[in-house]
Amino acid sequence: MRPLRFAFALVLFSACDDHDFKSEGETVDGEGLSAVLDVMEGNCASCHSGGEPAAGLDLTPDLFCDSVLDGRIVVPSDADGSVLQQRIEGSPSIMPPTTAMDDANITIIRDWINDGADCDSGGGDDGGGDDGGGDDGGGDDGGTLDGGQVFADSCSSCHGSSGEGGAGPAMSGVVPSLSEADIADIALNGTYNGNMSGQLTDTDEADAVAAYCVATWGS
């Protein structure tokens, strides 16, 4: 369940129908986050946006950083280990789905990631509070833990960003037979069918992700 930087993360992107995709694409001139956001807007957001973005991944400028800075889709300073870079370069299949982007766009994204994937200049701050700081999984400011964010941070690399399965089983196939207590125990201690080790150490996070799983995939 814990995010993996190199393996099992390729299930996170899926193609949309070509009639929904801007087949012409856009070539961007520039560098840094602003150029990356332009690349996403001109080449990716037609599928990865809206109420049901492809693969549950919204790449529009306002949500881009919140969507990708999870240690899998973008691994700061490691473009080769980032799913975003892997997919736009065609591994295991090309994104956008009809053809590779212009090399200039691919280089913009690669350089931004390898330079540390800085998001301080905008893009993704709307959903995380005024103080920022990477506490999306729960925060210390009095809010309840977001079980969906815990799932995204600690489970989706194996179980898929939408629970569709990958290295681990699809959530819809296992959650209906489990209680919240069962899921919390598995998250902390592992042992589901002997195939999983514990991934969380915080009981509040385990309880939050268990409640989220039951609400989302329970019977």
Protein backbone atom coordinates (compact mmCIF):
# COMPACT_ATOMS: atom_id res chain seq x y z
CA MET A 1 0.00 0.00 0.00
CA ARG A 2 2.85 2.45 0.62
CA PRO A 3 3.73 4.63 -2.41
CA LEU A 4 6.43 3.00 -4.51
CA ARG A 5 8.63 5.20 -6.60
CA PHE A 6 9.65 2.74 -9.24
CA ALA A 7 7.25 -0.21 -9.43
CA PHE A 8 3.55 -0.82 -9.86
CA ALA A 9 2.61 2.84 -10.40
CA LEU A 10 2.01 2.67 -14.13
CA VAL A 11 -1.68 1.84 -13.71
CA LEU A 12 -2.42 5.41 -12.72
CA PHE A 13 -2.94 6.79 -16.22
CA SER A 14 -5.55 5.64 -18.67
CA ALA A 15 -6.49 6.91 -22.10
CA CYS A 16 -9.69 8.70 -22.92
CA ASP A 17 -11.53 8.34 -26.19
CA ASP A 18 -9.86 10.21 -29.03
CA HIS A 19 -12.98 12.26 -29.63
CA ASP A 20 -12.45 13.74 -26.15
CA PHE A 21 -8.73 14.32 -26.69
CA LYS A 22 -7.22 17.39 -28.31
CA SER A 23 -5.35 15.45 -30.97
CA GLU A 24 -3.58 18.54 -32.25
CA GLY A 25 -1.88 19.27 -28.93
CA GLU A 26 0.15 22.39 -28.20
CA THR A 27 3.89 22.99 -28.18
CA VAL A 28 5.04 25.24 -25.36
CA ASP A 29 8.01 27.58 -25.12
CA GLY A 30 9.38 28.29 -21.66
CA GLU A 31 10.59 26.61 -18.51
CA GLY A 32 9.63 25.95 -14.93
CA LEU A 33 6.23 25.39 -13.44
CA SER A 34 4.40 27.94 -15.58
CA ALA A 35 5.57 26.17 -18.74
CA VAL A 36 4.67 22.76 -17.28
CA LEU A 37 1.16 24.01 -16.53
CA ASP A 38 0.86 25.28 -20.10
CA VAL A 39 1.92 21.84 -21.38
CA MET A 40 -0.68 20.14 -19.21
CA GLU A 41 -3.42 22.56 -20.22
CA GLY A 42 -2.68 22.24 -23.92
CA ASN A 43 -2.04 18.51 -24.11
CA CYS A 44 -3.48 16.65 -21.13
CA ALA A 45 -6.32 18.50 -19.44
CA SER A 46 -8.91 17.62 -22.06
CA CYS A 47 -8.96 14.11 -20.54
CA HIS A 48 -7.57 14.81 -17.08
CA SER A 49 -10.10 17.35 -15.82
CA GLY A 50 -13.71 17.74 -14.78
CA GLY A 51 -15.82 15.77 -12.37
CA GLU A 52 -14.46 12.40 -13.51
CA PRO A 53 -10.94 13.01 -14.86
CA ALA A 54 -9.19 10.12 -16.58
CA ALA A 55 -7.58 7.82 -13.97
CA GLY A 56 -8.93 10.15 -11.27
CA LEU A 57 -6.06 12.52 -12.08
CA ASP A 58 -6.85 16.22 -12.59
CA LEU A 59 -4.02 17.98 -14.45
CA THR A 60 -5.63 21.40 -14.78
CA PRO A 61 -3.44 24.28 -13.53
CA ASP A 62 -5.27 24.84 -10.23
CA LEU A 63 -5.03 21.18 -9.19
CA PHE A 64 -1.90 19.97 -10.97
CA CYS A 65 0.53 20.10 -8.06
CA ASP A 66 -1.91 18.56 -5.60
CA SER A 67 -2.53 15.76 -8.11
CA VAL A 68 1.03 14.81 -8.95
CA LEU A 69 3.30 15.54 -5.99
CA ASP A 70 2.74 12.19 -4.30
CA GLY A 71 6.15 10.54 -4.67
CA ARG A 72 4.96 8.32 -7.55
CA ILE A 73 3.52 10.39 -10.35
CA VAL A 74 6.21 12.99 -9.77
CA VAL A 75 9.34 12.15 -7.79
CA PRO A 76 11.13 15.48 -7.29
CA SER A 77 14.64 15.47 -8.79
CA ASP A 78 14.05 12.09 -10.46
CA ALA A 79 12.32 12.38 -13.82
CA ASP A 80 13.21 8.82 -14.82
CA GLY A 81 11.51 7.53 -11.67
CA SER A 82 8.39 9.65 -12.15
CA VAL A 83 5.31 8.05 -13.69
CA LEU A 84 4.40 11.33 -15.39
CA GLN A 85 7.68 11.38 -17.30
CA GLN A 86 7.55 7.67 -18.04
CA ARG A 87 4.13 7.95 -19.60
CA ILE A 88 4.80 11.01 -21.75
CA GLU A 89 7.91 9.22 -23.04
CA GLY A 90 5.89 6.09 -23.88
CA SER A 91 6.47 3.64 -21.05
CA PRO A 92 4.53 1.40 -21.04
CA SER A 93 2.26 3.29 -23.45
CA ILE A 94 2.26 6.83 -24.72
CA MET A 95 0.37 9.70 -23.15
CA PRO A 96 -1.32 11.63 -24.73
CA PRO A 97 -2.87 8.52 -26.24
CA THR A 98 -2.75 9.42 -29.93
CA THR A 99 0.86 10.54 -30.30
CA ALA A 100 3.87 11.68 -28.33
CA MET A 101 4.09 15.34 -27.45
CA ASP A 102 6.69 17.55 -29.05
CA ASP A 103 10.18 16.97 -27.65
CA ALA A 104 10.21 20.54 -26.35
CA ASN A 105 7.25 19.78 -24.08
CA ILE A 106 8.81 16.56 -22.84
CA THR A 107 12.03 18.41 -22.03
CA ILE A 108 10.13 21.13 -20.12
CA ILE A 109 8.58 18.52 -17.85
CA ARG A 110 11.79 16.54 -17.45
CA ASP A 111 13.79 19.64 -16.53
CA TRP A 112 11.14 20.80 -14.05
CA ILE A 113 11.12 17.43 -12.28
CA ASN A 114 14.89 17.10 -12.22
CA ASP A 115 15.18 20.63 -10.85
CA GLY A 116 13.11 19.60 -7.84
CA ALA A 117 9.53 19.91 -9.13
CA ASP A 118 9.04 23.28 -7.48
CA CYS A 119 5.37 24.19 -7.08
CA ASP A 120 5.76 27.31 -4.95
CA SER A 121 4.97 29.61 -7.85
CA GLY A 122 1.42 28.35 -8.17
CA GLY A 123 -0.70 25.42 -9.27
CA GLY A 124 -2.27 23.22 -6.67
CA ASP A 125 -2.44 25.51 -3.66
CA ASP A 126 -6.19 25.96 -3.79
CA GLY A 127 -7.01 22.70 -2.10
CA GLY A 128 -4.48 22.55 0.69
CA GLY A 129 -5.05 25.55 2.95
CA ASP A 130 -3.23 28.81 3.30
CA ASP A 131 -0.21 27.44 5.10
CA GLY A 132 0.62 24.69 2.56
CA GLY A 133 3.31 22.32 3.69
CA GLY A 134 2.45 18.82 2.58
CA ASP A 135 0.06 17.79 5.35
CA ASP A 136 -2.63 16.73 2.89
CA GLY A 137 -2.92 13.33 4.53
CA GLY A 138 -4.42 14.70 7.70
CA GLY A 139 -3.06 18.00 8.88
CA ASP A 140 -2.56 19.29 12.41
CA ASP A 141 -4.94 22.23 12.18
CA GLY A 142 -7.99 20.65 13.73
CA GLY A 143 -9.51 19.07 10.62
CA THR A 144 -10.44 15.43 10.42
CA LEU A 145 -8.14 13.11 8.56
CA ASP A 146 -8.94 12.71 4.88
CA GLY A 147 -9.15 8.97 4.32
CA GLY A 148 -9.16 9.49 0.56
CA GLN A 149 -5.86 11.32 0.78
CA VAL A 150 -4.38 8.61 3.00
CA PHE A 151 -5.46 6.07 0.40
CA ALA A 152 -3.90 8.13 -2.39
CA ASP A 153 -0.66 8.53 -0.45
CA SER A 154 -0.27 5.05 0.98
CA CYS A 155 -2.43 2.59 -0.95
CA SER A 156 -3.00 3.66 -4.53
CA SER A 157 0.41 2.66 -5.87
CA CYS A 158 -0.63 -0.99 -5.47
CA HIS A 159 -4.42 -0.78 -5.53
CA GLY A 160 -4.80 1.88 -8.23
CA SER A 161 -5.70 5.54 -7.91
CA SER A 162 -9.38 4.67 -8.21
CA GLY A 163 -9.09 1.33 -6.41
CA GLU A 164 -9.15 -0.53 -9.71
CA GLY A 165 -6.27 -2.78 -8.70
CA GLY A 166 -2.72 -3.23 -9.92
CA ALA A 167 -0.02 -4.94 -7.93
CA GLY A 168 -2.71 -5.40 -5.31
CA PRO A 169 -6.32 -6.50 -5.76
CA ALA A 170 -9.16 -4.22 -6.81
CA MET A 171 -10.77 -2.73 -3.74
CA SER A 172 -14.27 -3.61 -4.90
CA GLY A 173 -13.28 -7.26 -4.77
CA VAL A 174 -12.04 -7.29 -1.17
CA VAL A 175 -13.62 -4.44 0.80
CA PRO A 176 -17.23 -5.73 0.86
CA SER A 177 -16.14 -8.72 2.95
CA LEU A 178 -14.24 -6.60 5.47
CA SER A 179 -15.26 -4.31 8.32
CA GLU A 180 -13.64 -0.97 9.07
CA ALA A 181 -11.82 -2.64 11.96
CA ASP A 182 -10.52 -5.35 9.63
CA ILE A 183 -9.22 -2.82 7.13
CA ALA A 184 -7.61 -0.66 9.80
CA ASP A 185 -5.88 -3.74 11.21
CA ILE A 186 -4.63 -4.76 7.76
CA ALA A 187 -3.34 -1.24 7.11
CA LEU A 188 -1.40 -1.35 10.37
CA ASN A 189 -0.37 -4.99 10.56
CA GLY A 190 -0.86 -6.50 7.13
CA THR A 191 -1.66 -10.20 6.65
CA TYR A 192 -4.57 -10.00 4.15
CA ASN A 193 -4.33 -13.52 2.68
CA GLY A 194 -0.71 -13.40 3.81
CA ASN A 195 0.16 -11.17 0.86
CA MET A 196 0.54 -7.78 2.48
CA SER A 197 2.62 -6.25 5.22
CA GLY A 198 1.47 -3.39 7.39
CA GLN A 199 1.92 -0.01 5.74
CA LEU A 200 0.72 2.54 8.27
CA THR A 201 1.90 3.25 11.80
CA ASP A 202 -0.66 5.90 12.76
CA THR A 203 -3.92 4.43 14.05
CA ASP A 204 -5.87 7.58 13.16
CA GLU A 205 -4.71 7.28 9.56
CA ALA A 206 -5.62 3.60 9.54
CA ASP A 207 -9.10 4.36 10.88
CA ALA A 208 -9.56 7.17 8.34
CA VAL A 209 -8.56 5.06 5.34
CA ALA A 210 -10.69 2.17 6.60
CA ALA A 211 -13.76 4.40 6.81
CA TYR A 212 -13.03 5.76 3.35
CA CYS A 213 -12.66 2.28 1.86
CA VAL A 214 -15.90 1.02 3.35
CA ALA A 215 -17.78 4.14 2.26
CA THR A 216 -16.36 3.89 -1.26
CA TRP A 217 -16.27 0.15 -1.98
CA GLY A 218 -18.27 -1.49 0.79
CA SER A 219 -21.40 -3.48 0.11
